[in-house]
Amino acid sequence: MKRLILRDAHEHFKQYLKTNKHSASTILAYGKDIDQLLSFLEELARNHVHEITKEDIGAFLAKLQKNGYTPKSLSRKINSTRTFFRFLKVNEYVTDDPSLLVSHPRYELAPPRILTPTEYRALRDSARHDPRMFAVIELLLQTGVRIGELANLRVEDIDFTNNTLRIRAYEKHEERVVPLNRAAKEALKNYLAVRPKVKEERVFVTKSGKPFLIRNIRTAIERYFRLGEIKNAKVNDLRHTFVAHHLKHGTSLILLSKVLGHKRLSTTERYLQFVPERAKENTILTEL
């Protein structure tokens, strides 16, 4: 077993996440979680990673709970800690994994926020004067793509002849092709007609021709939620709405799972409990 001091372990762990192609947001979140854990362990006078015990991790979680962390947040801390120890064990910095002896707190997942037809029509109406944002919103609603996948979309990925979009591999999601319906196609063509004439490959760009970044897309959509007077909605709720709409209209679970890029059919199936009325199963993707 190789000895490794706490702070060196933290740096090696972040490098490990980058090497394994985790997203920037995941690296940031895990990095903060482990930094918080290590700061606590330093208060306990722990110096090396092999000195960490189940009781240490339990005390850390107990402190967080006392400070008002929710069960969901504590569960995320445990996931980060287990990923950290998996890295340590694979690299032979520890022989045992005390994080596996710590149980997740029980909590219920909140049901997905699904926009009503009135809400997503209001969202569209609020963005009609902005061809770029209208196309962004329409693509998220009509194709169910993730915001990161949309930001990564290239001009060459659009196939108006076959009415499809090539969704590139993103983070740990595999490449796939999704259908482009009439509404999404029209919105995309209208935006491309006024898009800045720049060499940038990405479809969505700023006025200066730079890529329209995820955080800026998110901020812009949230602004249109406010303009449309749509309460308690987030960007990912557009994807939830896409799923619910197609389940309600009987779209095949297998087809829908492939379009969404879900690795497991069970991920798509969990939405069924939130869609009580479901039409006879078909293989047609309808417009919202």
Protein backbone atom coordinates (compact mmCIF):
# COMPACT_ATOMS: atom_id res chain seq x y z
CA MET A 1 0.00 0.00 0.00
CA LYS A 2 1.31 3.43 -1.02
CA ARG A 3 1.07 6.20 1.58
CA LEU A 4 -0.66 9.38 0.43
CA ILE A 5 -1.32 12.55 2.40
CA LEU A 6 -4.81 14.05 2.30
CA ARG A 7 -4.23 17.11 0.13
CA ASP A 8 -2.14 15.21 -2.42
CA ALA A 9 -4.98 12.71 -2.63
CA HIS A 10 -7.39 15.53 -3.43
CA GLU A 11 -5.27 16.76 -6.35
CA HIS A 12 -4.72 13.24 -7.70
CA PHE A 13 -8.46 12.58 -7.45
CA LYS A 14 -9.38 15.66 -9.51
CA GLN A 15 -6.85 14.64 -12.14
CA TYR A 16 -8.34 11.14 -12.15
CA LEU A 17 -11.81 12.60 -12.84
CA LYS A 18 -10.48 14.66 -15.74
CA THR A 19 -8.67 11.65 -17.22
CA ASN A 20 -11.89 9.64 -17.06
CA LYS A 21 -13.74 12.38 -18.97
CA HIS A 22 -16.12 13.48 -16.24
CA SER A 23 -17.89 16.76 -16.94
CA ALA A 24 -16.52 20.03 -15.59
CA SER A 25 -19.57 20.35 -13.32
CA THR A 26 -19.02 16.85 -11.90
CA ILE A 27 -15.32 17.53 -11.27
CA LEU A 28 -16.21 20.80 -9.54
CA ALA A 29 -18.93 19.21 -7.38
CA TYR A 30 -16.88 16.16 -6.38
CA GLY A 31 -13.85 18.37 -5.78
CA LYS A 32 -15.79 20.61 -3.38
CA ASP A 33 -17.32 17.63 -1.57
CA ILE A 34 -13.95 15.97 -0.99
CA ASP A 35 -12.33 19.27 -0.02
CA GLN A 36 -15.04 19.63 2.64
CA LEU A 37 -14.45 16.07 3.86
CA LEU A 38 -10.68 16.52 4.02
CA SER A 39 -10.98 19.79 5.92
CA PHE A 40 -13.04 17.96 8.53
CA LEU A 41 -10.52 15.12 8.68
CA GLU A 42 -7.69 17.56 9.21
CA GLU A 43 -9.55 18.81 12.28
CA LEU A 44 -9.39 15.21 13.53
CA ALA A 45 -5.62 15.22 12.94
CA ARG A 46 -5.78 12.69 10.12
CA ASN A 47 -2.77 13.01 7.82
CA HIS A 48 -2.96 10.10 5.36
CA VAL A 49 -5.89 8.60 3.48
CA HIS A 50 -5.36 5.11 4.92
CA GLU A 51 -6.13 6.51 8.39
CA ILE A 52 -9.73 7.39 7.51
CA THR A 53 -12.36 5.22 9.22
CA LYS A 54 -16.08 4.61 8.93
CA GLU A 55 -16.53 6.56 12.17
CA ASP A 56 -14.71 9.56 10.68
CA ILE A 57 -17.05 9.63 7.68
CA GLY A 58 -20.06 9.15 9.95
CA ALA A 59 -18.95 12.08 12.14
CA PHE A 60 -18.51 14.24 9.04
CA LEU A 61 -22.05 13.47 7.87
CA ALA A 62 -23.45 14.03 11.37
CA LYS A 63 -21.86 17.48 11.43
CA LEU A 64 -23.37 18.34 8.05
CA GLN A 65 -26.79 17.15 9.19
CA LYS A 66 -26.51 19.30 12.31
CA ASN A 67 -25.67 22.25 10.05
CA GLY A 68 -28.91 21.79 8.11
CA TYR A 69 -27.92 19.65 5.13
CA THR A 70 -30.86 17.72 3.66
CA PRO A 71 -30.87 13.90 3.29
CA LYS A 72 -30.51 14.36 -0.48
CA SER A 73 -27.40 16.52 -0.01
CA LEU A 74 -25.91 14.01 2.44
CA SER A 75 -26.53 11.22 -0.05
CA ARG A 76 -24.61 13.17 -2.68
CA LYS A 77 -21.71 13.61 -0.26
CA ILE A 78 -21.66 9.84 0.25
CA ASN A 79 -21.59 9.27 -3.52
CA SER A 80 -18.66 11.67 -3.86
CA THR A 81 -16.84 9.96 -0.99
CA ARG A 82 -17.38 6.51 -2.49
CA THR A 83 -16.04 7.69 -5.84
CA PHE A 84 -13.02 9.10 -3.99
CA PHE A 85 -12.35 5.83 -2.19
CA ARG A 86 -12.85 3.82 -5.36
CA PHE A 87 -10.05 5.89 -6.88
CA LEU A 88 -7.87 5.36 -3.78
CA LYS A 89 -8.41 1.61 -3.79
CA VAL A 90 -7.77 1.16 -7.52
CA ASN A 91 -4.48 3.03 -7.10
CA GLU A 92 -3.57 1.01 -3.98
CA TYR A 93 -3.56 3.96 -1.59
CA VAL A 94 -5.98 2.09 0.68
CA THR A 95 -6.82 -1.59 1.15
CA ASP A 96 -10.31 -1.11 2.62
CA ASP A 97 -13.15 1.19 1.69
CA PRO A 98 -14.86 2.56 4.82
CA SER A 99 -17.35 4.57 2.74
CA LEU A 100 -19.14 1.34 1.78
CA LEU A 101 -20.01 0.82 5.45
CA VAL A 102 -21.89 4.13 5.58
CA SER A 103 -25.57 3.94 4.59
CA HIS A 104 -27.41 6.48 2.48
CA PRO A 105 -30.14 8.41 4.33
CA ARG A 106 -33.65 7.71 3.09
CA TYR A 107 -35.46 10.38 1.14
CA GLU A 108 -38.09 10.56 -1.58
CA LEU A 109 -37.27 11.99 -4.98
CA ALA A 110 -39.44 14.91 -5.95
CA PRO A 111 -41.60 14.18 -9.00
CA PRO A 112 -40.35 15.74 -12.25
CA ARG A 113 -41.73 19.19 -13.05
CA ILE A 114 -43.78 18.81 -16.22
CA LEU A 115 -44.91 21.95 -17.99
CA THR A 116 -48.56 22.18 -18.93
CA PRO A 117 -49.48 23.00 -22.56
CA THR A 118 -50.43 26.51 -21.40
CA GLU A 119 -46.99 26.94 -19.80
CA TYR A 120 -44.87 25.77 -22.71
CA ARG A 121 -46.96 27.83 -25.12
CA ALA A 122 -46.38 30.86 -22.89
CA LEU A 123 -42.65 30.09 -22.90
CA ARG A 124 -42.64 29.97 -26.69
CA ASP A 125 -44.62 33.19 -26.97
CA SER A 126 -42.21 35.00 -24.64
CA ALA A 127 -39.27 34.13 -26.93
CA ARG A 128 -40.84 34.59 -30.37
CA HIS A 129 -39.04 37.89 -30.95
CA ASP A 130 -35.65 36.19 -30.43
CA PRO A 131 -34.93 33.64 -33.23
CA ARG A 132 -31.94 32.15 -31.39
CA MET A 133 -33.71 31.58 -28.07
CA PHE A 134 -36.88 30.45 -29.79
CA ALA A 135 -34.84 27.80 -31.63
CA VAL A 136 -33.09 26.79 -28.39
CA ILE A 137 -36.39 26.37 -26.56
CA GLU A 138 -38.05 24.59 -29.48
CA LEU A 139 -35.19 22.11 -29.85
CA LEU A 140 -35.20 21.29 -26.13
CA LEU A 141 -38.99 20.80 -26.18
CA GLN A 142 -39.27 18.94 -29.48
CA THR A 143 -36.19 16.67 -29.31
CA GLY A 144 -35.63 16.15 -25.58
CA VAL A 145 -31.87 16.74 -25.90
CA ARG A 146 -29.83 17.74 -22.86
CA ILE A 147 -28.70 21.36 -22.59
CA GLY A 148 -25.04 20.30 -22.88
CA GLU A 149 -25.81 18.35 -26.05
CA LEU A 150 -27.60 21.36 -27.51
CA ALA A 151 -24.68 23.68 -26.70
CA ASN A 152 -22.34 21.18 -28.39
CA LEU A 153 -24.42 20.93 -31.58
CA ARG A 154 -22.46 21.70 -34.78
CA VAL A 155 -23.82 23.07 -38.05
CA GLU A 156 -22.71 19.88 -39.82
CA ASP A 157 -24.83 17.84 -37.39
CA ILE A 158 -28.05 19.21 -38.91
CA ASP A 159 -29.56 17.15 -41.71
CA PHE A 160 -32.58 18.96 -43.14
CA THR A 161 -32.87 16.42 -45.95
CA ASN A 162 -33.50 13.50 -43.61
CA ASN A 163 -34.88 15.71 -40.81
CA THR A 164 -32.43 14.52 -38.16
CA LEU A 165 -29.88 15.87 -35.72
CA ARG A 166 -26.63 14.14 -34.89
CA ILE A 167 -26.17 14.38 -31.13
CA ARG A 168 -22.47 14.00 -30.40
CA ALA A 169 -21.08 11.98 -27.51
CA TYR A 170 -21.23 14.24 -24.48
CA GLU A 171 -19.70 13.54 -21.09
CA LYS A 172 -20.52 9.80 -20.72
CA HIS A 173 -23.51 9.80 -23.08
CA GLU A 174 -23.09 8.04 -26.40
CA GLU A 175 -23.61 9.58 -29.83
CA ARG A 176 -27.07 9.17 -31.32
CA VAL A 177 -29.35 10.55 -34.03
CA VAL A 178 -32.67 12.16 -33.12
CA PRO A 179 -35.58 13.11 -35.40
CA LEU A 180 -36.16 16.75 -36.23
CA ASN A 181 -39.88 17.49 -36.50
CA ARG A 182 -41.55 20.30 -38.42
CA ALA A 183 -41.70 22.79 -35.54
CA ALA A 184 -38.06 22.31 -34.54
CA LYS A 185 -36.91 22.37 -38.18
CA GLU A 186 -38.74 25.64 -38.87
CA ALA A 187 -37.36 27.30 -35.72
CA LEU A 188 -33.83 26.16 -36.55
CA LYS A 189 -34.02 27.40 -40.16
CA ASN A 190 -35.30 30.80 -39.02
CA TYR A 191 -32.40 31.13 -36.59
CA LEU A 192 -29.77 30.01 -39.12
CA ALA A 193 -31.05 32.67 -41.53
CA VAL A 194 -30.04 35.42 -39.07
CA ARG A 195 -27.14 33.65 -37.33
CA PRO A 196 -23.88 35.68 -37.41
CA LYS A 197 -21.75 34.73 -40.42
CA VAL A 198 -18.82 33.30 -38.50
CA LYS A 199 -16.50 30.30 -38.83
CA GLU A 200 -17.52 28.90 -35.44
CA GLU A 201 -18.78 25.33 -35.93
CA ARG A 202 -21.29 25.36 -33.10
CA VAL A 203 -24.85 26.11 -34.13
CA PHE A 204 -25.67 28.48 -31.28
CA VAL A 205 -23.36 31.46 -30.97
CA THR A 206 -23.32 34.92 -29.39
CA LYS A 207 -23.58 38.16 -31.35
CA SER A 208 -19.77 38.28 -31.46
CA GLY A 209 -19.65 34.77 -32.94
CA LYS A 210 -18.42 32.91 -29.87
CA PRO A 211 -20.05 29.65 -28.65
CA PHE A 212 -23.25 30.16 -26.65
CA LEU A 213 -22.14 28.52 -23.39
CA ILE A 214 -24.30 26.24 -21.23
CA ARG A 215 -24.45 28.65 -18.30
CA ASN A 216 -25.54 31.49 -20.60
CA ILE A 217 -28.17 29.33 -22.29
CA ARG A 218 -29.50 28.37 -18.87
CA THR A 219 -29.64 31.99 -17.71
CA ALA A 220 -31.43 33.06 -20.90
CA ILE A 221 -34.06 30.32 -20.61
CA GLU A 222 -34.66 31.18 -16.96
CA ARG A 223 -35.29 34.77 -18.07
CA TYR A 224 -37.97 33.58 -20.48
CA PHE A 225 -39.53 31.45 -17.77
CA ARG A 226 -39.97 34.68 -15.81
CA LEU A 227 -41.30 36.58 -18.82
CA GLY A 228 -43.78 33.78 -19.44
CA GLU A 229 -44.76 33.81 -15.75
CA ILE A 230 -43.86 30.12 -15.42
CA LYS A 231 -43.16 29.40 -11.76
CA ASN A 232 -40.67 26.94 -10.24
CA ALA A 233 -39.38 25.69 -13.60
CA LYS A 234 -35.84 24.77 -14.60
CA VAL A 235 -34.19 24.05 -17.94
CA ASN A 236 -34.24 20.27 -17.44
CA ASP A 237 -38.02 20.46 -17.03
CA LEU A 238 -38.24 20.93 -20.81
CA ARG A 239 -36.76 17.43 -21.18
CA HIS A 240 -39.19 16.11 -18.55
CA THR A 241 -42.04 17.71 -20.53
CA PHE A 242 -40.85 16.07 -23.75
CA VAL A 243 -40.87 12.65 -22.08
CA ALA A 244 -44.28 13.09 -20.45
CA HIS A 245 -45.86 14.36 -23.67
CA HIS A 246 -44.70 11.35 -25.68
CA LEU A 247 -45.63 8.82 -23.02
CA LYS A 248 -49.11 10.34 -22.84
CA HIS A 249 -49.44 9.98 -26.61
CA GLY A 250 -48.32 6.36 -26.55
CA THR A 251 -44.81 6.62 -27.99
CA SER A 252 -42.96 3.32 -27.65
CA LEU A 253 -40.80 3.18 -24.52
CA ILE A 254 -37.94 1.63 -26.50
CA LEU A 255 -38.06 4.34 -29.17
CA LEU A 256 -38.32 7.11 -26.58
CA SER A 257 -35.42 5.68 -24.57
CA LYS A 258 -33.21 5.67 -27.68
CA VAL A 259 -34.16 9.24 -28.63
CA LEU A 260 -33.41 10.44 -25.09
CA GLY A 261 -30.10 8.60 -24.92
CA HIS A 262 -31.04 6.71 -21.76
CA LYS A 263 -28.65 3.86 -21.01
CA ARG A 264 -31.38 1.87 -19.27
CA LEU A 265 -35.02 1.44 -20.25
CA SER A 266 -35.92 1.66 -16.55
CA THR A 267 -34.85 5.34 -16.59
CA THR A 268 -37.60 6.03 -19.13
CA GLU A 269 -40.10 3.74 -17.41
CA ARG A 270 -39.93 5.68 -14.13
CA TYR A 271 -41.84 8.52 -15.82
CA LEU A 272 -44.88 6.28 -16.31
CA GLN A 273 -46.08 6.85 -12.75
CA PHE A 274 -46.41 10.56 -13.55
CA VAL A 275 -48.41 9.98 -16.74
CA PRO A 276 -51.64 8.23 -15.68
CA GLU A 277 -53.33 8.58 -19.08
CA ARG A 278 -51.45 6.78 -21.83
CA ALA A 279 -52.65 6.17 -25.38
CA LYS A 280 -52.16 2.94 -27.31
CA GLU A 281 -48.44 2.37 -27.96
CA ASN A 282 -47.13 3.62 -31.31
CA THR A 283 -43.82 4.49 -32.97
CA ILE A 284 -44.65 8.08 -33.87
CA LEU A 285 -43.09 11.15 -32.25
CA THR A 286 -45.72 13.90 -32.15
CA GLU A 287 -45.12 17.63 -31.85
CA LEU A 288 -45.75 19.52 -28.63
